[in-house]
Amino acid sequence: MAEILNDQFVPVLIDSELMPETDRRLRRFMEEMNGNAGWPVNVVLTPEGHPLFALGYLDEPAFFERLKTILEHWNQRRGELSEAARNAVTELEAGPSSSAESVSPDTFIEAFVQQAQRLADTQNGGFSRGAKFPHESAIQALIALRQHEANTPLADFLEVTLDTMASGALRDAVNGGFFRYTDDQQWRYPHYEKMLLTQASLARVYIEAGLLLSKPHWVAIGVDTVRFAHSAFRREDGLYATSLAAMGHEGREGSPYLWTLSELEKVLSASELASLDNHFGDEAQLHLPRALGQQSVDALLKLRQARKGQRLMRDDKVLYGWNGLMLSALVYAAPFEPELGKAADDLAAKLIGLPFAESATIRSARGLGQLTDLVFLAQGLSHWASARGHATAREHATEWLRLAHHDFY
């Protein structure tokens, strides 16, 4: 495998978090070619950089055979395939035609609600009938609508979604925080990666919704999520890392979070073990403990203590936009835990210190800037400025929005 890759191809690894636009373009090509797209995205490009073939996950023998087939086609039909790849790029870049007419806010909101109603899983919560991502932005939009109208469409769906995400396996009941997504529609089998984006966004969602709908347990979940993110993602320089890996150091997915029955029995009494929903986390019959009620709290605390100090593999790169989201989450949690207010002050000082440079320097120290990076920075600084009455932070937030308008409008 290494021989064919190194001799016949130029392997390039794209970090989708540093280059999200490149990732989106390649995934769109994969979807057009294969009818679906996900991760991993393996795309074979021509020497000119035009996408030619797209491959999803394949085991090593199948991947090797597919590479050999691609090489055979390329060697026999290079000119034809190069032209087809160029034409495919032209079609993708053209995209669907769009109207230049402006859309009123009411029309936009109506279109959003209609789409949300079509995608909503009213029984299990969340959107889609397959793998479930939290879709934090859509949930925040529903909360915003609920603030203005008590009987807004999908009001019940919003509550079902927040309850099922918190009680299902998307949330790590032992260690805190939320996993990236689940592979099923009932929120039972998570992909064990944890993203700063997910923690910061869902923390704000739960605190905001809890205050709006008088659900103190939602507020507690939000604050606990911020507490977890502050502990697990904060780097020595005061900024926050991007993600925690799904695998442990031994290379098995979910190992930091799954337990054998004998491991559980060593830590918990029989009654404590019975108080947990220990559904099987994978085919090896490893358990992912879930709470069944208030009686589970002591058991979960014991399990957390038993694995306290375990080292998780962490992607330590800094995405400034995600740090802006984390600043917002810290501000929302600060009234309930003063230590998190101090953390917000420290992070705000770091973000205020960022130079007003071109957007290419703003995603991270190594990547290209995106519109969301500037908006999330501005949002975080604006939230902190409102909480602290800090004029300079508000000026910086305004400047980031001005730069966003200049660079992307």
Protein backbone atom coordinates (compact mmCIF):
# COMPACT_ATOMS: atom_id res chain seq x y z
CA MET A 1 0.00 0.00 0.00
CA ALA A 2 2.73 2.50 0.96
CA GLU A 3 4.68 1.63 -2.18
CA ILE A 4 1.83 2.34 -4.60
CA LEU A 5 0.83 5.52 -2.78
CA ASN A 6 4.35 6.95 -2.70
CA ASP A 7 5.40 5.82 -6.18
CA GLN A 8 2.25 6.60 -8.16
CA PHE A 9 0.51 9.37 -6.17
CA VAL A 10 1.38 12.47 -4.16
CA PRO A 11 -0.45 11.90 -0.84
CA VAL A 12 -1.73 15.09 0.78
CA LEU A 13 -3.55 15.18 4.13
CA ILE A 14 -6.08 18.01 4.50
CA ASP A 15 -7.08 19.13 7.99
CA SER A 16 -10.80 19.79 7.55
CA GLU A 17 -10.85 22.10 10.57
CA LEU A 18 -8.08 24.31 9.21
CA MET A 19 -9.37 24.19 5.62
CA PRO A 20 -13.15 23.71 5.89
CA GLU A 21 -13.88 25.23 2.48
CA THR A 22 -11.55 22.75 0.75
CA ASP A 23 -13.21 19.96 2.74
CA ARG A 24 -16.67 21.13 1.68
CA ARG A 25 -15.68 21.30 -2.00
CA LEU A 26 -14.21 17.81 -1.98
CA ARG A 27 -17.16 16.35 -0.07
CA ARG A 28 -19.53 17.99 -2.54
CA PHE A 29 -17.63 16.33 -5.40
CA MET A 30 -17.81 13.00 -3.55
CA GLU A 31 -21.57 13.39 -3.10
CA GLU A 32 -22.11 14.24 -6.76
CA MET A 33 -20.00 11.27 -7.85
CA ASN A 34 -21.12 8.60 -5.37
CA GLY A 35 -24.56 9.82 -4.29
CA ASN A 36 -23.43 10.28 -0.68
CA ALA A 37 -20.52 11.72 1.25
CA GLY A 38 -19.06 11.45 4.72
CA TRP A 39 -15.70 10.84 6.29
CA PRO A 40 -13.09 9.86 5.39
CA VAL A 41 -13.02 11.72 2.09
CA ASN A 42 -10.40 10.26 -0.23
CA VAL A 43 -10.24 12.17 -3.51
CA VAL A 44 -7.84 11.47 -6.38
CA LEU A 45 -6.93 14.69 -8.23
CA THR A 46 -5.38 15.20 -11.65
CA PRO A 47 -1.93 16.89 -11.77
CA GLU A 48 -3.84 20.14 -12.49
CA GLY A 49 -5.72 19.74 -9.20
CA HIS A 50 -9.12 18.73 -10.60
CA PRO A 51 -11.00 15.99 -8.67
CA LEU A 52 -11.24 12.74 -10.60
CA PHE A 53 -12.34 9.91 -8.28
CA ALA A 54 -13.76 9.91 -4.74
CA LEU A 55 -13.51 7.03 -2.30
CA GLY A 56 -15.08 6.62 1.13
CA TYR A 57 -14.02 4.11 3.75
CA LEU A 58 -12.62 0.85 2.33
CA ASP A 59 -10.60 -1.82 4.06
CA GLU A 60 -6.97 -2.06 2.96
CA PRO A 61 -7.33 -4.81 0.29
CA ALA A 62 -10.32 -3.08 -1.32
CA PHE A 63 -8.62 0.32 -1.20
CA PHE A 64 -5.48 -1.15 -2.79
CA GLU A 65 -7.48 -2.73 -5.62
CA ARG A 66 -9.37 0.51 -6.25
CA LEU A 67 -6.10 2.45 -6.51
CA LYS A 68 -4.78 -0.06 -9.07
CA THR A 69 -7.98 0.31 -11.11
CA ILE A 70 -7.70 4.10 -11.05
CA LEU A 71 -4.09 3.91 -12.24
CA GLU A 72 -5.03 1.60 -15.10
CA HIS A 73 -7.79 3.95 -16.27
CA TRP A 74 -5.49 6.96 -15.95
CA ASN A 75 -2.69 5.38 -17.95
CA GLN A 76 -5.07 4.29 -20.73
CA ARG A 77 -7.39 7.34 -20.91
CA ARG A 78 -5.44 10.25 -19.45
CA GLY A 79 -6.61 12.91 -21.91
CA GLU A 80 -10.26 11.91 -21.71
CA LEU A 81 -10.25 11.78 -17.90
CA SER A 82 -8.43 15.12 -17.59
CA GLU A 83 -11.08 16.81 -19.72
CA ALA A 84 -13.90 15.14 -17.75
CA ALA A 85 -12.35 16.35 -14.48
CA ARG A 86 -12.08 19.92 -15.81
CA ASN A 87 -15.72 19.85 -16.90
CA ALA A 88 -16.81 18.48 -13.52
CA VAL A 89 -15.09 21.36 -11.74
CA THR A 90 -16.82 23.86 -14.02
CA GLU A 91 -20.22 22.36 -13.26
CA LEU A 92 -19.58 22.24 -9.52
CA GLU A 93 -18.38 25.83 -9.38
CA ALA A 94 -21.38 27.02 -11.38
CA GLY A 95 -23.74 25.46 -8.84
CA PRO A 96 -27.51 26.00 -8.86
CA SER A 97 -28.83 29.29 -10.20
CA SER A 98 -29.95 31.74 -7.53
CA SER A 99 -32.12 34.82 -7.53
CA ALA A 100 -30.58 38.20 -6.82
CA GLU A 101 -33.76 39.36 -5.10
CA SER A 102 -33.50 40.09 -1.40
CA VAL A 103 -35.41 37.92 1.04
CA SER A 104 -37.35 39.45 3.92
CA PRO A 105 -36.64 38.20 7.47
CA ASP A 106 -40.16 36.79 7.75
CA THR A 107 -39.75 34.81 4.52
CA PHE A 108 -36.37 33.52 5.66
CA ILE A 109 -37.76 32.42 9.05
CA GLU A 110 -40.73 30.72 7.39
CA ALA A 111 -38.40 28.80 5.05
CA PHE A 112 -36.23 27.75 7.99
CA VAL A 113 -39.21 26.49 10.00
CA GLN A 114 -40.56 24.54 7.03
CA GLN A 115 -37.21 22.87 6.42
CA ALA A 116 -36.80 22.11 10.12
CA GLN A 117 -40.25 20.52 10.22
CA ARG A 118 -39.36 18.30 7.26
CA LEU A 119 -36.13 17.09 8.88
CA ALA A 120 -37.26 16.91 12.52
CA ASP A 121 -37.38 13.51 14.22
CA THR A 122 -40.23 14.32 16.59
CA GLN A 123 -39.99 10.97 18.38
CA ASN A 124 -36.25 10.80 19.11
CA GLY A 125 -35.33 14.47 18.79
CA GLY A 126 -32.74 15.91 16.48
CA PHE A 127 -32.67 16.07 12.72
CA SER A 128 -32.45 13.17 10.23
CA ARG A 129 -33.39 9.51 10.58
CA GLY A 130 -29.83 8.17 10.52
CA ALA A 131 -26.64 9.31 12.23
CA LYS A 132 -27.43 12.19 14.57
CA PHE A 133 -25.39 15.38 14.88
CA PRO A 134 -26.55 17.98 17.41
CA HIS A 135 -26.98 20.75 14.76
CA GLU A 136 -26.39 23.38 17.42
CA SER A 137 -27.06 26.38 15.16
CA ALA A 138 -30.50 25.10 14.18
CA ILE A 139 -31.37 24.49 17.83
CA GLN A 140 -30.19 28.00 18.74
CA ALA A 141 -32.48 29.36 16.02
CA LEU A 142 -35.42 27.44 17.49
CA ILE A 143 -34.62 28.86 20.93
CA ALA A 144 -34.55 32.37 19.45
CA LEU A 145 -37.98 31.78 17.87
CA ARG A 146 -39.29 30.45 21.18
CA GLN A 147 -38.14 33.64 22.91
CA HIS A 148 -40.44 35.67 20.66
CA GLU A 149 -43.42 33.31 20.49
CA ALA A 150 -44.40 30.75 23.11
CA ASN A 151 -46.45 28.61 20.71
CA THR A 152 -43.93 28.60 17.89
CA PRO A 153 -43.88 25.54 15.63
CA LEU A 154 -41.52 22.83 16.89
CA ALA A 155 -41.72 24.04 20.50
CA ASP A 156 -42.37 20.48 21.70
CA PHE A 157 -39.70 19.14 19.36
CA LEU A 158 -37.16 21.52 20.89
CA GLU A 159 -37.80 20.14 24.38
CA VAL A 160 -37.71 16.53 23.18
CA THR A 161 -34.40 17.17 21.42
CA LEU A 162 -32.72 18.75 24.44
CA ASP A 163 -33.95 16.00 26.76
CA THR A 164 -32.95 13.11 24.50
CA MET A 165 -29.51 14.54 23.71
CA ALA A 166 -28.80 14.99 27.41
CA SER A 167 -30.13 11.60 28.52
CA GLY A 168 -28.77 9.59 25.59
CA ALA A 169 -25.24 8.56 24.75
CA LEU A 170 -24.40 11.83 22.98
CA ARG A 171 -23.59 13.18 26.45
CA ASP A 172 -20.77 11.59 28.46
CA ALA A 173 -22.51 11.10 31.79
CA VAL A 174 -19.32 10.02 33.56
CA ASN A 175 -16.66 12.49 32.43
CA GLY A 176 -18.81 15.37 31.20
CA GLY A 177 -19.19 16.99 27.82
CA PHE A 178 -20.81 15.85 24.59
CA PHE A 179 -19.52 13.53 21.89
CA ARG A 180 -19.51 14.71 18.30
CA TYR A 181 -22.46 12.63 17.04
CA THR A 182 -24.12 9.23 17.32
CA ASP A 183 -24.26 6.59 14.60
CA ASP A 184 -27.95 5.89 15.18
CA GLN A 185 -31.14 7.90 15.42
CA GLN A 186 -31.87 7.02 19.07
CA TRP A 187 -28.66 8.70 20.37
CA ARG A 188 -27.31 5.39 21.71
CA TYR A 189 -23.99 4.72 19.95
CA PRO A 190 -21.64 7.70 19.86
CA HIS A 191 -18.62 8.54 17.81
CA TYR A 192 -16.36 9.22 20.76
CA GLU A 193 -14.54 12.32 19.51
CA LYS A 194 -15.21 15.49 21.49
CA MET A 195 -14.98 18.88 19.79
CA LEU A 196 -14.57 22.29 21.42
CA LEU A 197 -17.17 23.55 18.94
CA THR A 198 -19.72 21.04 20.26
CA GLN A 199 -19.02 21.78 23.94
CA ALA A 200 -19.16 25.56 23.61
CA SER A 201 -22.26 25.60 21.39
CA LEU A 202 -24.31 23.05 23.34
CA ALA A 203 -23.36 24.58 26.69
CA ARG A 204 -24.86 27.89 25.60
CA VAL A 205 -27.90 26.09 24.14
CA TYR A 206 -28.69 24.34 27.43
CA ILE A 207 -28.12 27.39 29.63
CA GLU A 208 -30.16 29.66 27.36
CA ALA A 209 -33.01 27.17 26.95
CA GLY A 210 -32.99 26.30 30.65
CA LEU A 211 -33.38 29.92 31.66
CA LEU A 212 -36.03 30.56 29.02
CA LEU A 213 -38.17 27.53 29.83
CA SER A 214 -37.47 27.32 33.58
CA LYS A 215 -35.57 24.02 33.35
CA PRO A 216 -32.83 24.24 36.00
CA HIS A 217 -31.47 20.78 35.11
CA TRP A 218 -30.73 22.05 31.59
CA VAL A 219 -28.84 24.99 33.06
CA ALA A 220 -26.86 22.57 35.24
CA ILE A 221 -25.99 20.48 32.17
CA GLY A 222 -24.79 23.59 30.35
CA VAL A 223 -22.63 24.76 33.24
CA ASP A 224 -21.19 21.27 33.71
CA THR A 225 -20.32 21.19 29.99
CA VAL A 226 -18.46 24.50 30.25
CA ARG A 227 -16.66 23.24 33.34
CA PHE A 228 -15.62 20.10 31.47
CA ALA A 229 -14.45 22.04 28.39
CA HIS A 230 -12.45 24.44 30.54
CA SER A 231 -10.70 21.54 32.25
CA ALA A 232 -10.15 19.28 29.24
CA PHE A 233 -9.45 21.73 26.40
CA ARG A 234 -7.57 24.61 28.03
CA ARG A 235 -3.93 24.85 26.99
CA GLU A 236 -1.06 26.24 29.06
CA ASP A 237 -1.17 29.52 27.11
CA GLY A 238 -4.80 30.13 28.14
CA LEU A 239 -6.35 29.36 24.75
CA TYR A 240 -8.45 26.27 24.05
CA ALA A 241 -7.55 23.26 21.93
CA THR A 242 -9.71 21.89 19.14
CA SER A 243 -10.66 18.31 20.01
CA LEU A 244 -10.15 15.16 22.05
CA ALA A 245 -9.52 12.02 20.01
CA ALA A 246 -12.06 9.21 19.86
CA MET A 247 -9.33 6.65 20.52
CA GLY A 248 -7.26 5.97 23.59
CA HIS A 249 -3.49 5.60 23.53
CA GLU A 250 -3.82 1.89 22.80
CA GLY A 251 -5.60 2.69 19.53
CA ARG A 252 -9.13 1.43 20.27
CA GLU A 253 -12.05 3.75 19.65
CA GLY A 254 -13.99 4.73 22.75
CA SER A 255 -11.59 3.07 25.19
CA PRO A 256 -11.41 6.09 27.56
CA TYR A 257 -15.19 5.93 28.00
CA LEU A 258 -16.15 2.24 27.81
CA TRP A 259 -16.03 -0.23 30.70
CA THR A 260 -16.01 -3.99 31.01
CA LEU A 261 -18.48 -5.44 33.47
CA SER A 262 -15.63 -6.54 35.75
CA GLU A 263 -14.24 -2.99 35.78
CA LEU A 264 -17.64 -1.63 36.79
CA GLU A 265 -18.03 -4.25 39.52
CA LYS A 266 -14.66 -3.29 41.04
CA VAL A 267 -15.77 0.32 41.45
CA LEU A 268 -19.50 0.08 42.17
CA SER A 269 -21.70 -1.79 44.58
CA ALA A 270 -24.42 -4.06 43.20
CA SER A 271 -27.11 -1.46 43.91
CA GLU A 272 -25.06 1.32 42.29
CA LEU A 273 -24.45 -0.82 39.23
CA ALA A 274 -28.18 -1.52 39.00
CA SER A 275 -28.88 2.23 39.06
CA LEU A 276 -27.11 2.71 35.73
CA ASP A 277 -28.28 2.08 32.19
CA ASN A 278 -25.28 0.05 31.01
CA HIS A 279 -26.23 -0.56 27.43
CA PHE A 280 -23.59 -2.22 25.32
CA GLY A 281 -21.30 0.38 23.77
CA ASP A 282 -19.95 -1.91 21.04
CA GLU A 283 -19.81 -5.46 19.76
CA ALA A 284 -17.22 -6.42 22.40
CA GLN A 285 -19.90 -5.89 25.05
CA LEU A 286 -18.19 -2.92 26.64
CA HIS A 287 -20.47 -0.68 28.64
CA LEU A 288 -21.14 3.03 28.33
CA PRO A 289 -22.72 3.99 31.67
CA ARG A 290 -25.84 6.16 31.51
CA ALA A 291 -27.85 7.62 34.37
CA LEU A 292 -31.36 6.33 35.04
CA GLY A 293 -32.21 8.96 37.62
CA GLN A 294 -30.99 10.86 40.66
CA GLN A 295 -29.89 7.62 42.35
CA SER A 296 -27.25 7.24 39.64
CA VAL A 297 -25.34 10.39 40.63
CA ASP A 298 -23.12 8.77 43.26
CA ALA A 299 -22.30 5.89 40.94
CA LEU A 300 -21.30 8.23 38.12
CA LEU A 301 -19.10 10.26 40.48
CA LYS A 302 -17.31 7.08 41.56
CA LEU A 303 -16.65 6.14 37.95
CA ARG A 304 -15.36 9.62 37.19
CA GLN A 305 -13.01 9.43 40.14
CA ALA A 306 -11.79 5.97 39.12
CA ARG A 307 -10.51 7.31 35.81
CA LYS A 308 -9.48 10.73 37.03
CA GLY A 309 -6.18 11.75 35.57
CA GLN A 310 -6.30 9.53 32.49
CA ARG A 311 -4.56 11.24 29.60
CA LEU A 312 -6.58 11.75 26.44
CA MET A 313 -5.06 12.40 23.03
CA ARG A 314 -5.78 16.03 22.21
CA ASP A 315 -5.50 18.06 19.02
CA ASP A 316 -3.81 21.12 20.46
CA LYS A 317 -4.21 23.46 17.52
CA VAL A 318 -6.14 26.65 18.23
CA LEU A 319 -9.07 27.81 16.11
CA TYR A 320 -9.79 31.40 17.11
CA GLY A 321 -13.43 31.28 16.04
CA TRP A 322 -14.06 28.28 18.28
CA ASN A 323 -12.32 30.14 21.10
CA GLY A 324 -14.81 32.95 20.50
CA LEU A 325 -17.61 30.42 20.97
CA MET A 326 -15.93 29.21 24.16
CA LEU A 327 -15.79 32.79 25.44
CA SER A 328 -19.55 33.08 24.89
CA ALA A 329 -20.11 29.81 26.78
CA LEU A 330 -17.94 30.96 29.68
CA VAL A 331 -19.88 34.22 29.87
CA TYR A 332 -23.20 32.34 29.99
CA ALA A 333 -21.91 29.99 32.72
CA ALA A 334 -20.14 32.64 34.83
CA PRO A 335 -23.20 33.72 36.89
CA PHE A 336 -23.48 30.14 38.18
CA GLU A 337 -19.77 29.48 38.82
CA PRO A 338 -17.39 32.40 39.54
CA GLU A 339 -14.30 30.41 38.52
CA LEU A 340 -15.65 30.27 34.98
CA GLY A 341 -16.06 34.04 35.05
CA LYS A 342 -12.34 34.36 35.75
CA ALA A 343 -11.65 31.97 32.87
CA ALA A 344 -13.78 34.20 30.62
CA ASP A 345 -11.72 37.23 31.63
CA ASP A 346 -8.48 35.41 30.85
CA LEU A 347 -9.68 34.22 27.45
CA ALA A 348 -11.10 37.64 26.53
CA ALA A 349 -7.70 39.20 27.23
CA LYS A 350 -6.12 36.72 24.81
CA LEU A 351 -8.67 37.38 22.08
CA ILE A 352 -8.56 41.16 22.50
CA GLY A 353 -4.81 40.85 21.92
CA LEU A 354 -5.25 39.38 18.43
CA PRO A 355 -4.00 41.80 15.75
CA PHE A 356 -6.41 43.23 13.22
CA ALA A 357 -4.76 41.48 10.32
CA GLU A 358 -6.14 40.07 7.12
CA SER A 359 -8.51 37.17 7.63
CA ALA A 360 -5.87 34.66 6.46
CA THR A 361 -4.26 34.80 9.90
CA ILE A 362 -7.41 34.55 11.95
CA ARG A 363 -8.55 30.92 11.77
CA SER A 364 -5.39 29.76 13.47
CA ALA A 365 -1.67 30.23 13.34
CA ARG A 366 -1.56 27.87 10.34
CA GLY A 367 -4.78 28.09 8.37
CA LEU A 368 -6.97 30.32 6.25
CA GLY A 369 -9.65 32.44 7.85
CA GLN A 370 -13.37 31.83 7.36
CA LEU A 371 -16.36 34.12 7.79
CA THR A 372 -17.49 32.13 10.83
CA ASP A 373 -14.16 32.72 12.57
CA LEU A 374 -14.59 36.48 12.47
CA VAL A 375 -18.27 36.30 13.43
CA PHE A 376 -17.66 33.93 16.37
CA LEU A 377 -14.81 36.15 17.59
CA ALA A 378 -17.03 39.21 17.42
CA GLN A 379 -19.89 37.37 19.15
CA GLY A 380 -17.71 36.15 22.01
CA LEU A 381 -16.16 39.56 22.61
CA SER A 382 -19.57 41.22 22.40
CA HIS A 383 -21.02 38.85 25.02
CA TRP A 384 -18.06 39.46 27.32
CA ALA A 385 -18.20 43.23 26.75
CA SER A 386 -21.87 43.27 27.74
CA ALA A 387 -21.19 41.21 30.87
CA ARG A 388 -18.20 43.31 31.97
CA GLY A 389 -19.06 46.72 30.50
CA HIS A 390 -15.77 46.65 28.60
CA ALA A 391 -15.68 49.34 25.90
CA THR A 392 -12.47 48.11 24.25
CA ALA A 393 -13.85 44.60 23.80
CA ARG A 394 -16.96 46.03 22.15
CA GLU A 395 -14.80 48.10 19.82
CA HIS A 396 -12.83 44.99 18.89
CA ALA A 397 -16.05 43.06 18.24
CA THR A 398 -17.24 45.82 15.93
CA GLU A 399 -13.92 45.83 14.09
CA TRP A 400 -14.04 42.07 13.52
CA LEU A 401 -17.51 42.48 12.01
CA ARG A 402 -16.24 45.29 9.80
CA LEU A 403 -13.43 43.05 8.60
CA ALA A 404 -15.91 40.22 7.98
CA HIS A 405 -18.02 42.53 5.83
CA HIS A 406 -14.95 43.79 3.95
CA ASP A 407 -13.44 40.35 3.31
CA PHE A 408 -16.55 38.28 2.57
CA TYR A 409 -19.40 40.54 1.35
